[in-house]
Amino acid sequence: MPRGDKSKYTGKQKRQAEHIEEGYEKRGLPEKESERRAWATVNKMTHGGKKMGGSGRGTTTNKAPAKKGGN
């Protein structure tokens, strides 16, 4: 799997990244930088891509990075 491949992310994570990216672009950042920051934010919130399921694997989402900054 090449670096930067987003196939291991859930649909929800992809939607979150898209929404966050739009917010950065609205604030005047270039498209590439917006995308980079959006995925960094999603990674920080959800601890990376899709995880294996199983007993006891329910982890909470850290929402602090999404609330940080912005208007």
N, C-alpha and C. Protein backbone atom coordinates (compact mmCIF):
# COMPACT_ATOMS: atom_id res chain seq x y z
N MET A 1 0.85 -1.18 0.00
CA MET A 1 0.00 0.00 0.00
C MET A 1 0.90 1.25 0.00
N PRO A 2 0.78 2.09 -1.01
CA PRO A 2 1.64 3.27 -1.10
C PRO A 2 1.29 4.30 -0.02
N ARG A 3 2.25 5.11 0.28
CA ARG A 3 2.06 6.14 1.28
C ARG A 3 0.99 7.13 0.79
N GLY A 4 0.09 7.53 1.69
CA GLY A 4 -0.96 8.45 1.31
C GLY A 4 -2.23 7.76 0.84
N ASP A 5 -2.22 6.43 0.80
CA ASP A 5 -3.40 5.67 0.36
C ASP A 5 -4.49 5.79 1.43
N LYS A 6 -5.69 6.13 1.01
CA LYS A 6 -6.79 6.36 1.96
C LYS A 6 -7.78 5.19 1.99
N SER A 7 -7.40 4.03 1.45
CA SER A 7 -8.34 2.91 1.37
C SER A 7 -8.66 2.31 2.73
N LYS A 8 -7.83 2.50 3.73
CA LYS A 8 -8.06 1.91 5.05
C LYS A 8 -8.94 2.78 5.94
N TYR A 9 -9.39 3.91 5.44
CA TYR A 9 -10.23 4.80 6.24
C TYR A 9 -11.69 4.45 6.03
N THR A 10 -12.49 4.68 7.07
CA THR A 10 -13.93 4.43 6.97
C THR A 10 -14.58 5.56 6.19
N GLY A 11 -15.82 5.33 5.78
CA GLY A 11 -16.57 6.37 5.07
C GLY A 11 -16.75 7.60 5.93
N LYS A 12 -16.99 7.38 7.22
CA LYS A 12 -17.17 8.51 8.14
C LYS A 12 -15.91 9.35 8.22
N GLN A 13 -14.74 8.69 8.30
CA GLN A 13 -13.48 9.43 8.36
C GLN A 13 -13.25 10.23 7.08
N LYS A 14 -13.61 9.66 5.94
CA LYS A 14 -13.44 10.36 4.67
C LYS A 14 -14.36 11.58 4.60
N ARG A 15 -15.61 11.43 5.08
CA ARG A 15 -16.54 12.56 5.10
C ARG A 15 -16.05 13.65 6.05
N GLN A 16 -15.53 13.24 7.21
CA GLN A 16 -14.99 14.22 8.16
C GLN A 16 -13.86 15.01 7.53
N ALA A 17 -12.94 14.32 6.86
CA ALA A 17 -11.80 14.98 6.24
C ALA A 17 -12.26 15.96 5.18
N GLU A 18 -13.25 15.58 4.39
CA GLU A 18 -13.78 16.46 3.34
C GLU A 18 -14.38 17.73 3.95
N HIS A 19 -15.13 17.55 5.00
CA HIS A 19 -15.78 18.68 5.66
C HIS A 19 -14.74 19.62 6.29
N ILE A 20 -13.74 19.05 6.94
CA ILE A 20 -12.68 19.84 7.56
C ILE A 20 -11.88 20.58 6.49
N GLU A 21 -11.61 19.89 5.37
CA GLU A 21 -10.88 20.50 4.26
C GLU A 21 -11.62 21.71 3.71
N GLU A 22 -12.94 21.60 3.56
CA GLU A 22 -13.73 22.74 3.08
C GLU A 22 -13.60 23.93 4.01
N GLY A 23 -13.59 23.67 5.31
CA GLY A 23 -13.44 24.74 6.28
C GLY A 23 -12.10 25.45 6.14
N TYR A 24 -11.04 24.68 5.93
CA TYR A 24 -9.71 25.29 5.75
C TYR A 24 -9.66 26.12 4.46
N GLU A 25 -10.27 25.59 3.39
CA GLU A 25 -10.28 26.33 2.13
C GLU A 25 -11.08 27.63 2.26
N LYS A 26 -12.15 27.58 3.02
CA LYS A 26 -12.97 28.76 3.25
C LYS A 26 -12.17 29.84 3.99
N ARG A 27 -11.20 29.40 4.79
CA ARG A 27 -10.36 30.33 5.53
C ARG A 27 -9.18 30.83 4.69
N GLY A 28 -9.07 30.37 3.43
CA GLY A 28 -8.07 30.91 2.52
C GLY A 28 -6.82 30.09 2.32
N LEU A 29 -6.78 28.86 2.80
CA LEU A 29 -5.60 28.03 2.62
C LEU A 29 -5.63 27.37 1.24
N PRO A 30 -4.46 27.09 0.66
CA PRO A 30 -4.41 26.38 -0.62
C PRO A 30 -5.00 24.98 -0.50
N GLU A 31 -5.44 24.42 -1.62
CA GLU A 31 -6.11 23.11 -1.62
C GLU A 31 -5.24 22.00 -1.04
N LYS A 32 -3.97 21.92 -1.45
CA LYS A 32 -3.06 20.87 -0.96
C LYS A 32 -2.86 20.96 0.55
N GLU A 33 -2.65 22.18 1.04
CA GLU A 33 -2.43 22.38 2.47
C GLU A 33 -3.70 22.06 3.25
N SER A 34 -4.85 22.42 2.70
CA SER A 34 -6.13 22.12 3.35
C SER A 34 -6.32 20.62 3.49
N GLU A 35 -6.01 19.89 2.42
CA GLU A 35 -6.16 18.43 2.46
C GLU A 35 -5.21 17.82 3.48
N ARG A 36 -3.98 18.28 3.50
CA ARG A 36 -2.99 17.75 4.44
C ARG A 36 -3.44 17.98 5.89
N ARG A 37 -3.89 19.19 6.17
CA ARG A 37 -4.33 19.51 7.53
C ARG A 37 -5.59 18.75 7.92
N ALA A 38 -6.49 18.57 6.96
CA ALA A 38 -7.74 17.85 7.24
C ALA A 38 -7.44 16.41 7.64
N TRP A 39 -6.56 15.73 6.89
CA TRP A 39 -6.25 14.35 7.24
C TRP A 39 -5.46 14.26 8.53
N ALA A 40 -4.62 15.25 8.80
CA ALA A 40 -3.89 15.27 10.08
C ALA A 40 -4.87 15.39 11.23
N THR A 41 -5.91 16.20 11.06
CA THR A 41 -6.92 16.38 12.09
C THR A 41 -7.71 15.10 12.30
N VAL A 42 -8.12 14.45 11.21
CA VAL A 42 -8.87 13.19 11.32
C VAL A 42 -8.01 12.14 12.01
N ASN A 43 -6.74 12.05 11.64
CA ASN A 43 -5.84 11.08 12.27
C ASN A 43 -5.71 11.33 13.76
N LYS A 44 -5.61 12.58 14.14
CA LYS A 44 -5.46 12.91 15.55
C LYS A 44 -6.75 12.58 16.32
N MET A 45 -7.90 12.78 15.67
CA MET A 45 -9.18 12.52 16.32
C MET A 45 -9.46 11.02 16.45
N THR A 46 -9.20 10.26 15.40
CA THR A 46 -9.62 8.86 15.35
C THR A 46 -8.46 7.88 15.45
N HIS A 47 -7.26 8.36 15.62
CA HIS A 47 -6.06 7.52 15.75
C HIS A 47 -5.79 6.72 14.49
N GLY A 48 -5.95 7.34 13.33
CA GLY A 48 -5.58 6.72 12.07
C GLY A 48 -6.72 6.01 11.38
N GLY A 49 -6.38 5.08 10.50
CA GLY A 49 -7.36 4.39 9.67
C GLY A 49 -8.20 3.38 10.43
N LYS A 50 -8.97 2.62 9.68
CA LYS A 50 -9.89 1.63 10.22
C LYS A 50 -9.14 0.63 11.08
N LYS A 51 -9.69 0.31 12.23
CA LYS A 51 -9.08 -0.67 13.12
C LYS A 51 -9.86 -1.99 13.05
N MET A 52 -9.20 -3.05 13.43
CA MET A 52 -9.86 -4.35 13.49
C MET A 52 -10.89 -4.33 14.60
N GLY A 53 -12.01 -5.00 14.38
CA GLY A 53 -13.07 -5.06 15.38
C GLY A 53 -12.75 -6.08 16.45
N GLY A 54 -13.72 -6.31 17.31
CA GLY A 54 -13.54 -7.32 18.34
C GLY A 54 -13.91 -6.79 19.69
N SER A 55 -13.91 -7.67 20.64
CA SER A 55 -14.32 -7.33 21.99
C SER A 55 -13.37 -6.30 22.61
N GLY A 56 -13.96 -5.26 23.15
CA GLY A 56 -13.17 -4.26 23.85
C GLY A 56 -12.46 -3.27 22.96
N ARG A 57 -12.75 -3.28 21.66
CA ARG A 57 -12.03 -2.37 20.75
C ARG A 57 -12.73 -1.03 20.57
N GLY A 58 -13.84 -0.82 21.25
CA GLY A 58 -14.56 0.44 21.09
C GLY A 58 -13.78 1.58 21.71
N THR A 59 -13.20 2.44 20.88
CA THR A 59 -12.42 3.56 21.40
C THR A 59 -13.20 4.85 21.18
N THR A 60 -13.03 5.77 22.09
CA THR A 60 -13.71 7.04 21.96
C THR A 60 -12.97 7.94 20.98
N THR A 61 -13.69 8.88 20.42
CA THR A 61 -13.11 9.84 19.48
C THR A 61 -12.70 11.08 20.25
N ASN A 62 -11.47 11.52 20.06
CA ASN A 62 -10.98 12.73 20.70
C ASN A 62 -11.42 13.91 19.84
N LYS A 63 -12.37 14.71 20.33
CA LYS A 63 -12.92 15.81 19.55
C LYS A 63 -12.18 17.13 19.74
N ALA A 64 -11.19 17.15 20.60
CA ALA A 64 -10.45 18.38 20.88
C ALA A 64 -9.79 18.98 19.62
N PRO A 65 -9.16 18.17 18.74
CA PRO A 65 -8.53 18.75 17.55
C PRO A 65 -9.54 19.45 16.63
N ALA A 66 -10.77 18.97 16.58
CA ALA A 66 -11.78 19.59 15.72
C ALA A 66 -12.24 20.92 16.28
N LYS A 67 -12.20 21.07 17.59
CA LYS A 67 -12.65 22.31 18.22
C LYS A 67 -11.55 23.36 18.27
N LYS A 68 -10.31 22.89 18.15
CA LYS A 68 -9.16 23.79 18.22
C LYS A 68 -9.15 24.71 16.99
N GLY A 69 -8.91 25.98 17.20
CA GLY A 69 -8.85 26.93 16.08
C GLY A 69 -10.20 27.20 15.49
N GLY A 70 -10.21 27.68 14.28
CA GLY A 70 -11.48 27.97 13.61
C GLY A 70 -12.11 29.27 14.07
N ASN A 71 -13.27 29.57 13.52
CA ASN A 71 -13.98 30.80 13.90
C ASN A 71 -15.28 30.47 14.56
